[in-house]
Amino acid sequence: MGDDVRSGRGADDRAWSLDERILEATTRCVARWGVSKTTLDDIAREAGCSRATIYRTLPGGKQALLVAAAHHEVGGALRALDVLLAACDDLRSVLLTLVHGGASYVAGSEALGYLVEHEPEVVLPHVSFDGLEPLLYRVAEFAAPHLGRFVDTDTAWRTGEWMARLVTSYVFGDEPTIDLTDRDRAAHVIDTYVLPGLVPFGSTDLPLPAASAGA
């Protein structure tokens, strides 16, 4: 396994680095050739390891590897958003970051862009009907703590799911009417259709973080 590890690191770190290499290689291959034409040999070459190493590191074959790579990509996007959301100091900025940041991630993903254009049958089952539920749950679970600084727990969870539905419907719609990757347009959507449902009618004050509100 000398070609599969980086010297000078511990065993746990080596395993983590190899996982990352394989998953990122999978994403690059999908961006280049799509799902149907990408083979494990392609991924092994891209990752700089052997097919056997892929089977040992991420067992389950090509399908399991593709699923793991998708989760890895989503996880990376959520970690990046987490940093931005932690710096938000009001409800509006949290909502805007979720919508604009989420849409920008989807638009900027080369692998997803290739699939939407050339193999939509791979993507559509996961962004429509019951297939969308796992994604909605994951986004709501991620967003709820950030939203929960300004609204109650139940509202935070429901709003997180609502933001995921909003981004999905606009980004994957047949003819999107609003480009949520445009920050000004995303802000218009938040100000016009989202905030009015969360801020008391007639109020011009946004909810403050719990610590500030009680001060």
N, C-alpha and C. Protein backbone atom coordinates (compact mmCIF):
# COMPACT_ATOMS: atom_id res chain seq x y z
N MET A 1 0.82 -1.21 0.00
CA MET A 1 0.00 0.00 0.00
C MET A 1 0.84 1.25 0.00
N GLY A 2 2.10 1.13 -0.39
CA GLY A 2 2.97 2.28 -0.35
C GLY A 2 2.51 3.43 -1.22
N ASP A 3 1.77 3.13 -2.31
CA ASP A 3 1.33 4.20 -3.20
C ASP A 3 0.05 4.86 -2.72
N ASP A 4 -0.52 4.36 -1.63
CA ASP A 4 -1.82 4.83 -1.20
C ASP A 4 -1.78 5.70 0.05
N VAL A 5 -0.62 5.92 0.61
CA VAL A 5 -0.55 6.68 1.85
C VAL A 5 0.50 7.76 1.73
N ARG A 6 0.44 8.73 2.63
CA ARG A 6 1.45 9.79 2.67
C ARG A 6 2.32 9.53 3.88
N SER A 7 3.61 9.60 3.69
CA SER A 7 4.54 9.30 4.76
C SER A 7 4.49 10.35 5.85
N GLY A 8 4.87 9.94 7.06
CA GLY A 8 4.97 10.87 8.16
C GLY A 8 3.66 11.17 8.85
N ARG A 9 2.59 10.39 8.59
CA ARG A 9 1.31 10.63 9.22
C ARG A 9 0.88 9.38 9.97
N GLY A 10 -0.01 9.58 10.93
CA GLY A 10 -0.50 8.46 11.71
C GLY A 10 -1.45 7.59 10.90
N ALA A 11 -1.77 6.41 11.43
CA ALA A 11 -2.62 5.47 10.71
C ALA A 11 -4.00 6.04 10.44
N ASP A 12 -4.61 6.70 11.44
CA ASP A 12 -5.94 7.25 11.24
C ASP A 12 -5.93 8.35 10.18
N ASP A 13 -4.90 9.19 10.20
CA ASP A 13 -4.80 10.28 9.24
C ASP A 13 -4.56 9.74 7.84
N ARG A 14 -3.79 8.66 7.73
CA ARG A 14 -3.55 8.05 6.42
C ARG A 14 -4.86 7.54 5.84
N ALA A 15 -5.66 6.88 6.66
CA ALA A 15 -6.93 6.33 6.18
C ALA A 15 -7.85 7.47 5.75
N TRP A 16 -7.89 8.55 6.54
CA TRP A 16 -8.73 9.69 6.19
C TRP A 16 -8.27 10.31 4.87
N SER A 17 -6.99 10.47 4.69
CA SER A 17 -6.46 11.08 3.47
C SER A 17 -6.78 10.22 2.25
N LEU A 18 -6.71 8.91 2.41
CA LEU A 18 -7.01 8.02 1.30
C LEU A 18 -8.49 8.09 0.94
N ASP A 19 -9.36 8.09 1.94
CA ASP A 19 -10.79 8.25 1.68
C ASP A 19 -11.04 9.53 0.88
N GLU A 20 -10.44 10.62 1.34
CA GLU A 20 -10.62 11.90 0.68
C GLU A 20 -10.15 11.85 -0.77
N ARG A 21 -9.00 11.27 -0.98
CA ARG A 21 -8.45 11.18 -2.34
C ARG A 21 -9.39 10.41 -3.26
N ILE A 22 -9.92 9.31 -2.78
CA ILE A 22 -10.79 8.47 -3.61
C ILE A 22 -12.11 9.17 -3.89
N LEU A 23 -12.70 9.78 -2.87
CA LEU A 23 -13.99 10.45 -3.04
C LEU A 23 -13.86 11.67 -3.95
N GLU A 24 -12.80 12.43 -3.78
CA GLU A 24 -12.60 13.60 -4.63
C GLU A 24 -12.29 13.18 -6.07
N ALA A 25 -11.56 12.09 -6.21
CA ALA A 25 -11.28 11.56 -7.55
C ALA A 25 -12.57 11.11 -8.23
N THR A 26 -13.46 10.51 -7.46
CA THR A 26 -14.76 10.09 -7.99
C THR A 26 -15.54 11.28 -8.51
N THR A 27 -15.57 12.34 -7.74
CA THR A 27 -16.29 13.55 -8.14
C THR A 27 -15.69 14.14 -9.42
N ARG A 28 -14.36 14.17 -9.50
CA ARG A 28 -13.72 14.73 -10.70
C ARG A 28 -14.04 13.87 -11.93
N CYS A 29 -14.05 12.57 -11.76
CA CYS A 29 -14.36 11.69 -12.90
C CYS A 29 -15.80 11.87 -13.37
N VAL A 30 -16.71 11.99 -12.42
CA VAL A 30 -18.11 12.21 -12.78
C VAL A 30 -18.27 13.54 -13.50
N ALA A 31 -17.56 14.56 -13.06
CA ALA A 31 -17.62 15.86 -13.72
C ALA A 31 -17.09 15.78 -15.15
N ARG A 32 -16.18 14.85 -15.38
CA ARG A 32 -15.54 14.73 -16.69
C ARG A 32 -16.33 13.83 -17.64
N TRP A 33 -16.82 12.69 -17.10
CA TRP A 33 -17.44 11.68 -17.97
C TRP A 33 -18.87 11.30 -17.59
N GLY A 34 -19.34 11.73 -16.46
CA GLY A 34 -20.66 11.32 -16.00
C GLY A 34 -20.62 10.00 -15.25
N VAL A 35 -21.77 9.57 -14.79
CA VAL A 35 -21.86 8.34 -14.00
C VAL A 35 -21.71 7.10 -14.85
N SER A 36 -22.43 7.04 -15.96
CA SER A 36 -22.46 5.81 -16.76
C SER A 36 -21.11 5.46 -17.35
N LYS A 37 -20.30 6.46 -17.71
CA LYS A 37 -19.02 6.18 -18.37
C LYS A 37 -17.85 6.10 -17.40
N THR A 38 -18.04 6.51 -16.17
CA THR A 38 -16.95 6.44 -15.19
C THR A 38 -16.81 5.03 -14.67
N THR A 39 -15.59 4.52 -14.67
CA THR A 39 -15.32 3.17 -14.16
C THR A 39 -14.46 3.25 -12.91
N LEU A 40 -14.39 2.15 -12.19
CA LEU A 40 -13.52 2.09 -11.02
C LEU A 40 -12.05 2.25 -11.43
N ASP A 41 -11.71 1.77 -12.61
CA ASP A 41 -10.34 1.95 -13.10
C ASP A 41 -10.04 3.44 -13.30
N ASP A 42 -11.01 4.19 -13.84
CA ASP A 42 -10.84 5.64 -14.00
C ASP A 42 -10.60 6.30 -12.65
N ILE A 43 -11.41 5.93 -11.68
CA ILE A 43 -11.30 6.53 -10.35
C ILE A 43 -9.98 6.17 -9.70
N ALA A 44 -9.55 4.91 -9.85
CA ALA A 44 -8.28 4.47 -9.27
C ALA A 44 -7.12 5.26 -9.86
N ARG A 45 -7.12 5.44 -11.18
CA ARG A 45 -6.06 6.23 -11.82
C ARG A 45 -6.07 7.67 -11.32
N GLU A 46 -7.26 8.25 -11.21
CA GLU A 46 -7.39 9.63 -10.76
C GLU A 46 -6.92 9.80 -9.32
N ALA A 47 -7.18 8.78 -8.50
CA ALA A 47 -6.82 8.84 -7.08
C ALA A 47 -5.38 8.41 -6.83
N GLY A 48 -4.75 7.80 -7.83
CA GLY A 48 -3.38 7.33 -7.67
C GLY A 48 -3.28 6.09 -6.81
N CYS A 49 -4.26 5.19 -6.95
CA CYS A 49 -4.24 3.94 -6.19
C CYS A 49 -4.76 2.82 -7.08
N SER A 50 -4.93 1.65 -6.52
CA SER A 50 -5.41 0.51 -7.29
C SER A 50 -6.89 0.27 -7.05
N ARG A 51 -7.51 -0.52 -7.95
CA ARG A 51 -8.90 -0.92 -7.74
C ARG A 51 -9.06 -1.66 -6.42
N ALA A 52 -8.10 -2.51 -6.13
CA ALA A 52 -8.17 -3.30 -4.89
C ALA A 52 -8.18 -2.38 -3.67
N THR A 53 -7.41 -1.32 -3.74
CA THR A 53 -7.37 -0.37 -2.63
C THR A 53 -8.73 0.31 -2.46
N ILE A 54 -9.38 0.65 -3.56
CA ILE A 54 -10.71 1.25 -3.48
C ILE A 54 -11.68 0.28 -2.81
N TYR A 55 -11.65 -0.98 -3.22
CA TYR A 55 -12.55 -1.98 -2.62
C TYR A 55 -12.29 -2.15 -1.13
N ARG A 56 -11.00 -2.08 -0.74
CA ARG A 56 -10.68 -2.24 0.69
C ARG A 56 -11.09 -1.00 1.49
N THR A 57 -10.88 0.16 0.90
CA THR A 57 -11.12 1.40 1.63
C THR A 57 -12.59 1.78 1.67
N LEU A 58 -13.26 1.64 0.55
CA LEU A 58 -14.68 2.00 0.44
C LEU A 58 -15.41 0.84 -0.24
N PRO A 59 -15.70 -0.20 0.51
CA PRO A 59 -16.32 -1.40 -0.08
C PRO A 59 -17.74 -1.12 -0.55
N GLY A 60 -18.19 -1.96 -1.48
CA GLY A 60 -19.56 -1.84 -1.97
C GLY A 60 -19.67 -1.61 -3.46
N GLY A 61 -18.52 -1.42 -4.12
CA GLY A 61 -18.55 -1.25 -5.56
C GLY A 61 -18.83 0.18 -6.01
N LYS A 62 -19.05 0.33 -7.30
CA LYS A 62 -19.19 1.66 -7.90
C LYS A 62 -20.37 2.43 -7.33
N GLN A 63 -21.52 1.79 -7.18
CA GLN A 63 -22.70 2.50 -6.71
C GLN A 63 -22.50 3.06 -5.32
N ALA A 64 -21.95 2.24 -4.43
CA ALA A 64 -21.69 2.71 -3.07
C ALA A 64 -20.68 3.85 -3.06
N LEU A 65 -19.71 3.78 -3.95
CA LEU A 65 -18.70 4.83 -4.04
C LEU A 65 -19.31 6.14 -4.51
N LEU A 66 -20.21 6.06 -5.48
CA LEU A 66 -20.88 7.27 -5.98
C LEU A 66 -21.73 7.92 -4.89
N VAL A 67 -22.43 7.10 -4.12
CA VAL A 67 -23.24 7.63 -3.02
C VAL A 67 -22.35 8.30 -1.98
N ALA A 68 -21.24 7.65 -1.64
CA ALA A 68 -20.31 8.21 -0.66
C ALA A 68 -19.72 9.53 -1.16
N ALA A 69 -19.41 9.59 -2.45
CA ALA A 69 -18.86 10.82 -3.01
C ALA A 69 -19.88 11.96 -2.97
N ALA A 70 -21.15 11.63 -3.22
CA ALA A 70 -22.19 12.65 -3.16
C ALA A 70 -22.34 13.18 -1.73
N HIS A 71 -22.32 12.29 -0.75
CA HIS A 71 -22.41 12.72 0.65
C HIS A 71 -21.19 13.57 1.04
N HIS A 72 -20.04 13.19 0.50
CA HIS A 72 -18.81 13.94 0.77
C HIS A 72 -18.91 15.35 0.21
N GLU A 73 -19.44 15.48 -0.99
CA GLU A 73 -19.59 16.80 -1.60
C GLU A 73 -20.57 17.67 -0.81
N VAL A 74 -21.71 17.09 -0.44
CA VAL A 74 -22.69 17.85 0.32
C VAL A 74 -22.10 18.25 1.67
N GLY A 75 -21.38 17.33 2.29
CA GLY A 75 -20.75 17.63 3.58
C GLY A 75 -19.76 18.78 3.48
N GLY A 76 -18.99 18.81 2.40
CA GLY A 76 -18.04 19.90 2.20
C GLY A 76 -18.74 21.24 2.05
N ALA A 77 -19.86 21.23 1.31
CA ALA A 77 -20.62 22.46 1.14
C ALA A 77 -21.21 22.94 2.46
N LEU A 78 -21.71 22.02 3.26
CA LEU A 78 -22.29 22.40 4.55
C LEU A 78 -21.23 22.92 5.51
N ARG A 79 -20.05 22.34 5.46
CA ARG A 79 -18.98 22.85 6.33
C ARG A 79 -18.59 24.27 5.95
N ALA A 80 -18.54 24.54 4.65
CA ALA A 80 -18.21 25.90 4.20
C ALA A 80 -19.31 26.88 4.60
N LEU A 81 -20.57 26.46 4.46
CA LEU A 81 -21.69 27.30 4.85
C LEU A 81 -21.71 27.53 6.36
N ASP A 82 -21.31 26.53 7.12
CA ASP A 82 -21.31 26.62 8.57
C ASP A 82 -20.45 27.79 9.04
N VAL A 83 -19.31 27.97 8.40
CA VAL A 83 -18.41 29.08 8.76
C VAL A 83 -19.08 30.42 8.47
N LEU A 84 -19.74 30.52 7.32
CA LEU A 84 -20.40 31.78 6.96
C LEU A 84 -21.59 32.06 7.87
N LEU A 85 -22.34 31.02 8.20
CA LEU A 85 -23.52 31.20 9.03
C LEU A 85 -23.16 31.60 10.45
N ALA A 86 -22.04 31.09 10.94
CA ALA A 86 -21.62 31.41 12.30
C ALA A 86 -21.33 32.90 12.45
N ALA A 87 -20.99 33.56 11.34
CA ALA A 87 -20.67 34.99 11.38
C ALA A 87 -21.90 35.87 11.19
N CYS A 88 -23.05 35.27 10.89
CA CYS A 88 -24.27 36.05 10.69
C CYS A 88 -24.81 36.54 12.03
N ASP A 89 -25.25 37.79 12.08
CA ASP A 89 -25.71 38.34 13.35
C ASP A 89 -27.19 38.71 13.36
N ASP A 90 -27.94 38.31 12.32
CA ASP A 90 -29.39 38.50 12.36
C ASP A 90 -30.06 37.44 11.49
N LEU A 91 -31.37 37.31 11.64
CA LEU A 91 -32.11 36.27 10.94
C LEU A 91 -32.02 36.43 9.43
N ARG A 92 -32.12 37.66 8.95
CA ARG A 92 -32.08 37.88 7.50
C ARG A 92 -30.78 37.38 6.89
N SER A 93 -29.66 37.67 7.54
CA SER A 93 -28.38 37.25 6.98
C SER A 93 -28.23 35.73 7.00
N VAL A 94 -28.81 35.07 8.00
CA VAL A 94 -28.78 33.60 8.03
C VAL A 94 -29.59 33.05 6.86
N LEU A 95 -30.78 33.56 6.65
CA LEU A 95 -31.64 33.10 5.56
C LEU A 95 -30.98 33.36 4.20
N LEU A 96 -30.43 34.54 4.03
CA LEU A 96 -29.79 34.89 2.77
C LEU A 96 -28.58 34.00 2.50
N THR A 97 -27.82 33.71 3.53
CA THR A 97 -26.65 32.84 3.36
C THR A 97 -27.06 31.44 2.99
N LEU A 98 -28.11 30.93 3.60
CA LEU A 98 -28.61 29.59 3.27
C LEU A 98 -29.05 29.51 1.81
N VAL A 99 -29.83 30.49 1.38
CA VAL A 99 -30.39 30.44 0.03
C VAL A 99 -29.34 30.76 -1.03
N HIS A 100 -28.67 31.88 -0.87
CA HIS A 100 -27.66 32.28 -1.87
C HIS A 100 -26.48 31.30 -1.86
N GLY A 101 -26.02 30.91 -0.67
CA GLY A 101 -24.89 29.99 -0.58
C GLY A 101 -25.23 28.62 -1.11
N GLY A 102 -26.44 28.14 -0.79
CA GLY A 102 -26.84 26.82 -1.29
C GLY A 102 -26.97 26.80 -2.79
N ALA A 103 -27.61 27.82 -3.35
CA ALA A 103 -27.76 27.89 -4.81
C ALA A 103 -26.41 28.04 -5.51
N SER A 104 -25.52 28.80 -4.91
CA SER A 104 -24.20 29.00 -5.51
C SER A 104 -23.39 27.72 -5.51
N TYR A 105 -23.53 26.93 -4.44
CA TYR A 105 -22.84 25.64 -4.40
C TYR A 105 -23.33 24.73 -5.52
N VAL A 106 -24.64 24.62 -5.66
CA VAL A 106 -25.20 23.75 -6.69
C VAL A 106 -24.75 24.20 -8.07
N ALA A 107 -24.81 25.50 -8.32
CA ALA A 107 -24.42 26.04 -9.63
C ALA A 107 -22.93 25.85 -9.90
N GLY A 108 -22.13 25.85 -8.83
CA GLY A 108 -20.69 25.75 -9.00
C GLY A 108 -20.15 24.33 -9.02
N SER A 109 -21.00 23.34 -8.81
CA SER A 109 -20.55 21.96 -8.80
C SER A 109 -20.43 21.43 -10.23
N GLU A 110 -19.22 21.16 -10.67
CA GLU A 110 -19.02 20.68 -12.04
C GLU A 110 -19.64 19.30 -12.24
N ALA A 111 -19.54 18.45 -11.23
CA ALA A 111 -20.11 17.11 -11.35
C ALA A 111 -21.62 17.18 -11.46
N LEU A 112 -22.24 17.95 -10.61
CA LEU A 112 -23.69 18.08 -10.65
C LEU A 112 -24.14 18.74 -11.95
N GLY A 113 -23.39 19.75 -12.39
CA GLY A 113 -23.72 20.41 -13.64
C GLY A 113 -23.70 19.45 -14.82
N TYR A 114 -22.70 18.57 -14.85
CA TYR A 114 -22.61 17.59 -15.93
C TYR A 114 -23.82 16.66 -15.90
N LEU A 115 -24.17 16.19 -14.70
CA LEU A 115 -25.27 15.24 -14.57
C LEU A 115 -26.60 15.88 -14.95
N VAL A 116 -26.83 17.11 -14.51
CA VAL A 116 -28.08 17.79 -14.84
C VAL A 116 -28.23 17.95 -16.35
N GLU A 117 -27.12 18.23 -17.02
CA GLU A 117 -27.17 18.45 -18.47
C GLU A 117 -27.21 17.16 -19.27
N HIS A 118 -26.42 16.16 -18.85
CA HIS A 118 -26.25 14.96 -19.67
C HIS A 118 -26.92 13.70 -19.10
N GLU A 119 -27.09 13.63 -17.79
CA GLU A 119 -27.69 12.44 -17.18
C GLU A 119 -28.69 12.86 -16.10
N PRO A 120 -29.71 13.60 -16.48
CA PRO A 120 -30.67 14.09 -15.47
C PRO A 120 -31.37 12.96 -14.73
N GLU A 121 -31.46 11.80 -15.35
CA GLU A 121 -32.12 10.68 -14.69
C GLU A 121 -31.39 10.23 -13.44
N VAL A 122 -30.12 10.59 -13.32
CA VAL A 122 -29.35 10.26 -12.12
C VAL A 122 -29.71 11.21 -10.97
N VAL A 123 -29.97 12.47 -11.31
CA VAL A 123 -30.19 13.50 -10.28
C VAL A 123 -31.65 13.64 -9.88
N LEU A 124 -32.55 13.65 -10.84
CA LEU A 124 -33.95 13.99 -10.59
C LEU A 124 -34.62 13.14 -9.51
N PRO A 125 -34.36 11.83 -9.43
CA PRO A 125 -35.01 11.06 -8.36
C PRO A 125 -34.66 11.53 -6.96
N HIS A 126 -33.54 12.25 -6.82
CA HIS A 126 -33.09 12.70 -5.50
C HIS A 126 -33.52 14.12 -5.17
N VAL A 127 -34.14 14.80 -6.13
CA VAL A 127 -34.57 16.19 -5.89
C VAL A 127 -36.06 16.36 -6.17
N SER A 128 -36.80 15.26 -6.13
CA SER A 128 -38.24 15.35 -6.36
C SER A 128 -38.96 14.27 -5.56
N PHE A 129 -40.19 14.56 -5.19
CA PHE A 129 -41.07 13.65 -4.48
C PHE A 129 -40.38 13.05 -3.24
N ASP A 130 -40.59 11.77 -2.98
CA ASP A 130 -40.05 11.16 -1.77
C ASP A 130 -38.53 11.11 -1.76
N GLY A 131 -37.93 11.12 -2.94
CA GLY A 131 -36.46 11.06 -3.01
C GLY A 131 -35.80 12.29 -2.44
N LEU A 132 -36.55 13.38 -2.32
CA LEU A 132 -36.00 14.62 -1.79
C LEU A 132 -35.93 14.64 -0.27
N GLU A 133 -36.69 13.78 0.39
CA GLU A 133 -36.81 13.82 1.84
C GLU A 133 -35.47 13.72 2.58
N PRO A 134 -34.57 12.80 2.20
CA PRO A 134 -33.29 12.73 2.92
C PRO A 134 -32.50 14.03 2.85
N LEU A 135 -32.51 14.69 1.70
CA LEU A 135 -31.80 15.96 1.57
C LEU A 135 -32.45 17.04 2.43
N LEU A 136 -33.78 17.10 2.41
CA LEU A 136 -34.48 18.08 3.23
C LEU A 136 -34.15 17.89 4.71
N TYR A 137 -34.13 16.65 5.15
CA TYR A 137 -33.84 16.36 6.55
C TYR A 137 -32.42 16.80 6.90
N ARG A 138 -31.47 16.48 6.02
CA ARG A 138 -30.08 16.83 6.31
C ARG A 138 -29.88 18.34 6.39
N VAL A 139 -30.49 19.06 5.46
CA VAL A 139 -30.35 20.52 5.46
C VAL A 139 -31.05 21.13 6.67
N ALA A 140 -32.24 20.63 7.00
CA ALA A 140 -32.96 21.16 8.16
C ALA A 140 -32.17 20.91 9.43
N GLU A 141 -31.61 19.73 9.57
CA GLU A 141 -30.81 19.40 10.74
C GLU A 141 -29.59 20.31 10.85
N PHE A 142 -29.00 20.62 9.70
CA PHE A 142 -27.83 21.50 9.67
C PHE A 142 -28.20 22.95 9.98
N ALA A 143 -29.30 23.41 9.38
CA ALA A 143 -29.66 24.83 9.48
C ALA A 143 -30.31 25.19 10.81
N ALA A 144 -30.99 24.25 11.43
CA ALA A 144 -31.78 24.55 12.63
C ALA A 144 -30.99 25.23 13.75
N PRO A 145 -29.77 24.81 14.07
CA PRO A 145 -29.05 25.50 15.15
C PRO A 145 -28.75 26.97 14.82
N HIS A 146 -28.47 27.25 13.55
CA HIS A 146 -28.19 28.63 13.16
C HIS A 146 -29.46 29.47 13.21
N LEU A 147 -30.56 28.93 12.71
CA LEU A 147 -31.83 29.65 12.75
C LEU A 147 -32.37 29.73 14.18
N GLY A 148 -32.03 28.72 14.97
CA GLY A 148 -32.52 28.67 16.34
C GLY A 148 -31.99 29.76 17.24
N ARG A 149 -31.03 30.53 16.77
CA ARG A 149 -30.56 31.69 17.53
C ARG A 149 -31.57 32.82 17.49
N PHE A 150 -32.53 32.74 16.55
CA PHE A 150 -33.45 33.86 16.33
C PHE A 150 -34.93 33.47 16.43
N VAL A 151 -35.23 32.19 16.25
CA VAL A 151 -36.62 31.72 16.32
C VAL A 151 -36.67 30.45 17.17
N ASP A 152 -37.88 30.02 17.52
CA ASP A 152 -38.01 28.82 18.36
C ASP A 152 -37.58 27.57 17.58
N THR A 153 -37.38 26.49 18.31
CA THR A 153 -36.80 25.28 17.74
C THR A 153 -37.63 24.71 16.60
N ASP A 154 -38.94 24.62 16.78
CA ASP A 154 -39.80 24.06 15.74
C ASP A 154 -39.78 24.93 14.49
N THR A 155 -39.85 26.24 14.67
CA THR A 155 -39.80 27.16 13.53
C THR A 155 -38.45 27.07 12.82
N ALA A 156 -37.37 26.93 13.59
CA ALA A 156 -36.04 26.82 13.00
C ALA A 156 -35.95 25.59 12.10
N TRP A 157 -36.47 24.47 12.59
CA TRP A 157 -36.41 23.24 11.80
C TRP A 157 -37.25 23.37 10.53
N ARG A 158 -38.46 23.86 10.66
CA ARG A 158 -39.35 23.99 9.50
C ARG A 158 -38.80 25.00 8.49
N THR A 159 -38.19 26.05 8.99
CA THR A 159 -37.63 27.07 8.09
C THR A 159 -36.42 26.51 7.34
N GLY A 160 -35.60 25.72 8.02
CA GLY A 160 -34.47 25.09 7.35
C GLY A 160 -34.92 24.20 6.21
N GLU A 161 -35.97 23.43 6.45
CA GLU A 161 -36.52 22.57 5.40
C GLU A 161 -37.11 23.41 4.27
N TRP A 162 -37.76 24.50 4.64
CA TRP A 162 -38.36 25.40 3.65
C TRP A 162 -37.28 26.00 2.76
N MET A 163 -36.14 26.38 3.33
CA MET A 163 -35.06 26.95 2.53
C MET A 163 -34.51 25.91 1.56
N ALA A 164 -34.42 24.67 2.00
CA ALA A 164 -33.94 23.60 1.12
C ALA A 164 -34.91 23.40 -0.04
N ARG A 165 -36.21 23.42 0.26
CA ARG A 165 -37.20 23.28 -0.81
C ARG A 165 -37.13 24.46 -1.79
N LEU A 166 -36.93 25.65 -1.25
CA LEU A 166 -36.85 26.84 -2.08
C LEU A 166 -35.69 26.75 -3.06
N VAL A 167 -34.51 26.43 -2.55
CA VAL A 167 -33.34 26.33 -3.42
C VAL A 167 -33.53 25.22 -4.46
N THR A 168 -34.02 24.07 -4.02
CA THR A 168 -34.20 22.95 -4.94
C THR A 168 -35.19 23.28 -6.04
N SER A 169 -36.31 23.92 -5.69
CA SER A 169 -37.34 24.21 -6.69
C SER A 169 -36.85 25.20 -7.73
N TYR A 170 -36.07 26.20 -7.31
CA TYR A 170 -35.58 27.19 -8.27
C TYR A 170 -34.41 26.66 -9.09
N VAL A 171 -33.50 25.94 -8.44
CA VAL A 171 -32.30 25.49 -9.15
C VAL A 171 -32.59 24.36 -10.11
N PHE A 172 -33.49 23.44 -9.70
CA PHE A 172 -33.75 22.27 -10.55
C PHE A 172 -35.06 22.38 -11.32
N GLY A 173 -35.71 23.53 -11.25
CA GLY A 173 -36.94 23.71 -12.01
C GLY A 173 -36.67 23.72 -13.50
N ASP A 174 -37.70 23.41 -14.28
CA ASP A 174 -37.54 23.34 -15.74
C ASP A 174 -37.11 24.69 -16.32
N GLU A 175 -37.74 25.77 -15.86
CA GLU A 175 -37.40 27.10 -16.34
C GLU A 175 -37.33 28.05 -15.15
N PRO A 176 -36.18 28.05 -14.44
CA PRO A 176 -36.05 28.91 -13.26
C PRO A 176 -36.32 30.37 -13.61
N THR A 177 -37.17 31.02 -12.82
CA THR A 177 -37.51 32.42 -13.08
C THR A 177 -36.66 33.39 -12.27
N ILE A 178 -36.00 32.88 -11.24
CA ILE A 178 -35.15 33.73 -10.40
C ILE A 178 -33.81 33.04 -10.20
N ASP A 179 -32.74 33.78 -10.44
CA ASP A 179 -31.39 33.26 -10.26
C ASP A 179 -30.95 33.52 -8.82
N LEU A 180 -31.02 32.49 -7.98
CA LEU A 180 -30.67 32.66 -6.58
C LEU A 180 -29.17 32.77 -6.36
N THR A 181 -28.36 32.56 -7.40
CA THR A 181 -26.92 32.78 -7.26
C THR A 181 -26.59 34.26 -7.36
N ASP A 182 -27.58 35.06 -7.78
CA ASP A 182 -27.46 36.52 -7.77
C ASP A 182 -27.89 36.98 -6.37
N ARG A 183 -26.97 37.54 -5.62
CA ARG A 183 -27.25 37.88 -4.22
C ARG A 183 -28.41 38.86 -4.08
N ASP A 184 -28.50 39.83 -4.96
CA ASP A 184 -29.59 40.81 -4.88
C ASP A 184 -30.94 40.16 -5.12
N ARG A 185 -30.99 39.25 -6.08
CA ARG A 185 -32.26 38.56 -6.36
C ARG A 185 -32.63 37.62 -5.20
N ALA A 186 -31.62 36.95 -4.66
CA ALA A 186 -31.88 36.09 -3.51
C ALA A 186 -32.39 36.92 -2.33
N ALA A 187 -31.81 38.09 -2.13
CA ALA A 187 -32.25 38.98 -1.05
C ALA A 187 -33.69 39.42 -1.26
N HIS A 188 -34.06 39.67 -2.51
CA HIS A 188 -35.45 40.07 -2.81
C HIS A 188 -36.42 38.95 -2.42
N VAL A 189 -36.06 37.72 -2.72
CA VAL A 189 -36.91 36.58 -2.36
C VAL A 189 -37.06 36.48 -0.85
N ILE A 190 -35.94 36.60 -0.14
CA ILE A 190 -35.97 36.52 1.32
C ILE A 190 -36.83 37.64 1.91
N ASP A 191 -36.61 38.86 1.44
CA ASP A 191 -37.31 40.02 2.00
C ASP A 191 -38.80 40.01 1.68
N THR A 192 -39.15 39.48 0.51
CA THR A 192 -40.53 39.55 0.04
C THR A 192 -41.37 38.35 0.48
N TYR A 193 -40.77 37.16 0.45
CA TYR A 193 -41.57 35.95 0.65
C TYR A 193 -41.23 35.14 1.91
N VAL A 194 -40.06 35.36 2.49
CA VAL A 194 -39.65 34.53 3.62
C VAL A 194 -39.76 35.28 4.94
N LEU A 195 -39.08 36.41 5.05
CA LEU A 195 -39.09 37.15 6.31
C LEU A 195 -40.49 37.54 6.79
N PRO A 196 -41.41 37.95 5.90
CA PRO A 196 -42.74 38.31 6.38
C PRO A 196 -43.45 37.17 7.12
N GLY A 197 -43.07 35.94 6.83
CA GLY A 197 -43.67 34.81 7.52
C GLY A 197 -43.03 34.50 8.85
N LEU A 198 -41.91 35.16 9.15
CA LEU A 198 -41.17 34.88 10.39
C LEU A 198 -41.15 36.06 11.35
N VAL A 199 -41.35 37.26 10.82
CA VAL A 199 -41.34 38.47 11.64
C VAL A 199 -42.78 38.88 11.92
N PRO A 200 -43.15 39.23 13.14
CA PRO A 200 -44.52 39.63 13.46
C PRO A 200 -45.03 40.72 12.53
N PHE A 201 -46.29 40.62 12.15
CA PHE A 201 -46.89 41.57 11.21
C PHE A 201 -46.76 43.00 11.72
N GLY A 202 -46.27 43.88 10.85
CA GLY A 202 -46.15 45.28 11.21
C GLY A 202 -44.85 45.62 11.91
N SER A 203 -44.04 44.57 12.25
CA SER A 203 -42.79 44.84 12.95
C SER A 203 -41.69 45.15 11.96
N THR A 204 -40.83 46.09 12.31
CA THR A 204 -39.68 46.40 11.46
C THR A 204 -38.39 45.88 12.08
N ASP A 205 -38.50 45.21 13.23
CA ASP A 205 -37.32 44.70 13.94
C ASP A 205 -37.14 43.22 13.69
N LEU A 206 -35.93 42.84 13.32
CA LEU A 206 -35.62 41.43 13.14
C LEU A 206 -35.37 40.80 14.50
N PRO A 207 -35.69 39.50 14.64
CA PRO A 207 -35.41 38.81 15.89
C PRO A 207 -33.91 38.87 16.20
N LEU A 208 -33.58 39.08 17.45
CA LEU A 208 -32.18 39.12 17.89
C LEU A 208 -31.78 37.78 18.44
N PRO A 209 -30.46 37.49 18.50
CA PRO A 209 -30.00 36.28 19.15
C PRO A 209 -30.54 36.22 20.57
N ALA A 210 -30.72 35.01 21.10
CA ALA A 210 -31.34 34.83 22.41
C ALA A 210 -30.62 35.66 23.48
N ALA A 211 -29.28 35.66 23.46
CA ALA A 211 -28.52 36.37 24.49
C ALA A 211 -28.79 37.87 24.43
N SER A 212 -28.86 38.42 23.20
CA SER A 212 -29.09 39.86 23.03
C SER A 212 -30.52 40.22 23.40
N ALA A 213 -31.47 39.34 23.02
CA ALA A 213 -32.86 39.64 23.26
C ALA A 213 -33.16 39.72 24.76
N GLY A 214 -32.43 38.95 25.53
CA GLY A 214 -32.70 38.93 26.95
C GLY A 214 -31.90 39.94 27.73
N ALA A 215 -31.02 40.69 27.05
CA ALA A 215 -30.15 41.63 27.74
C ALA A 215 -30.93 42.86 28.17
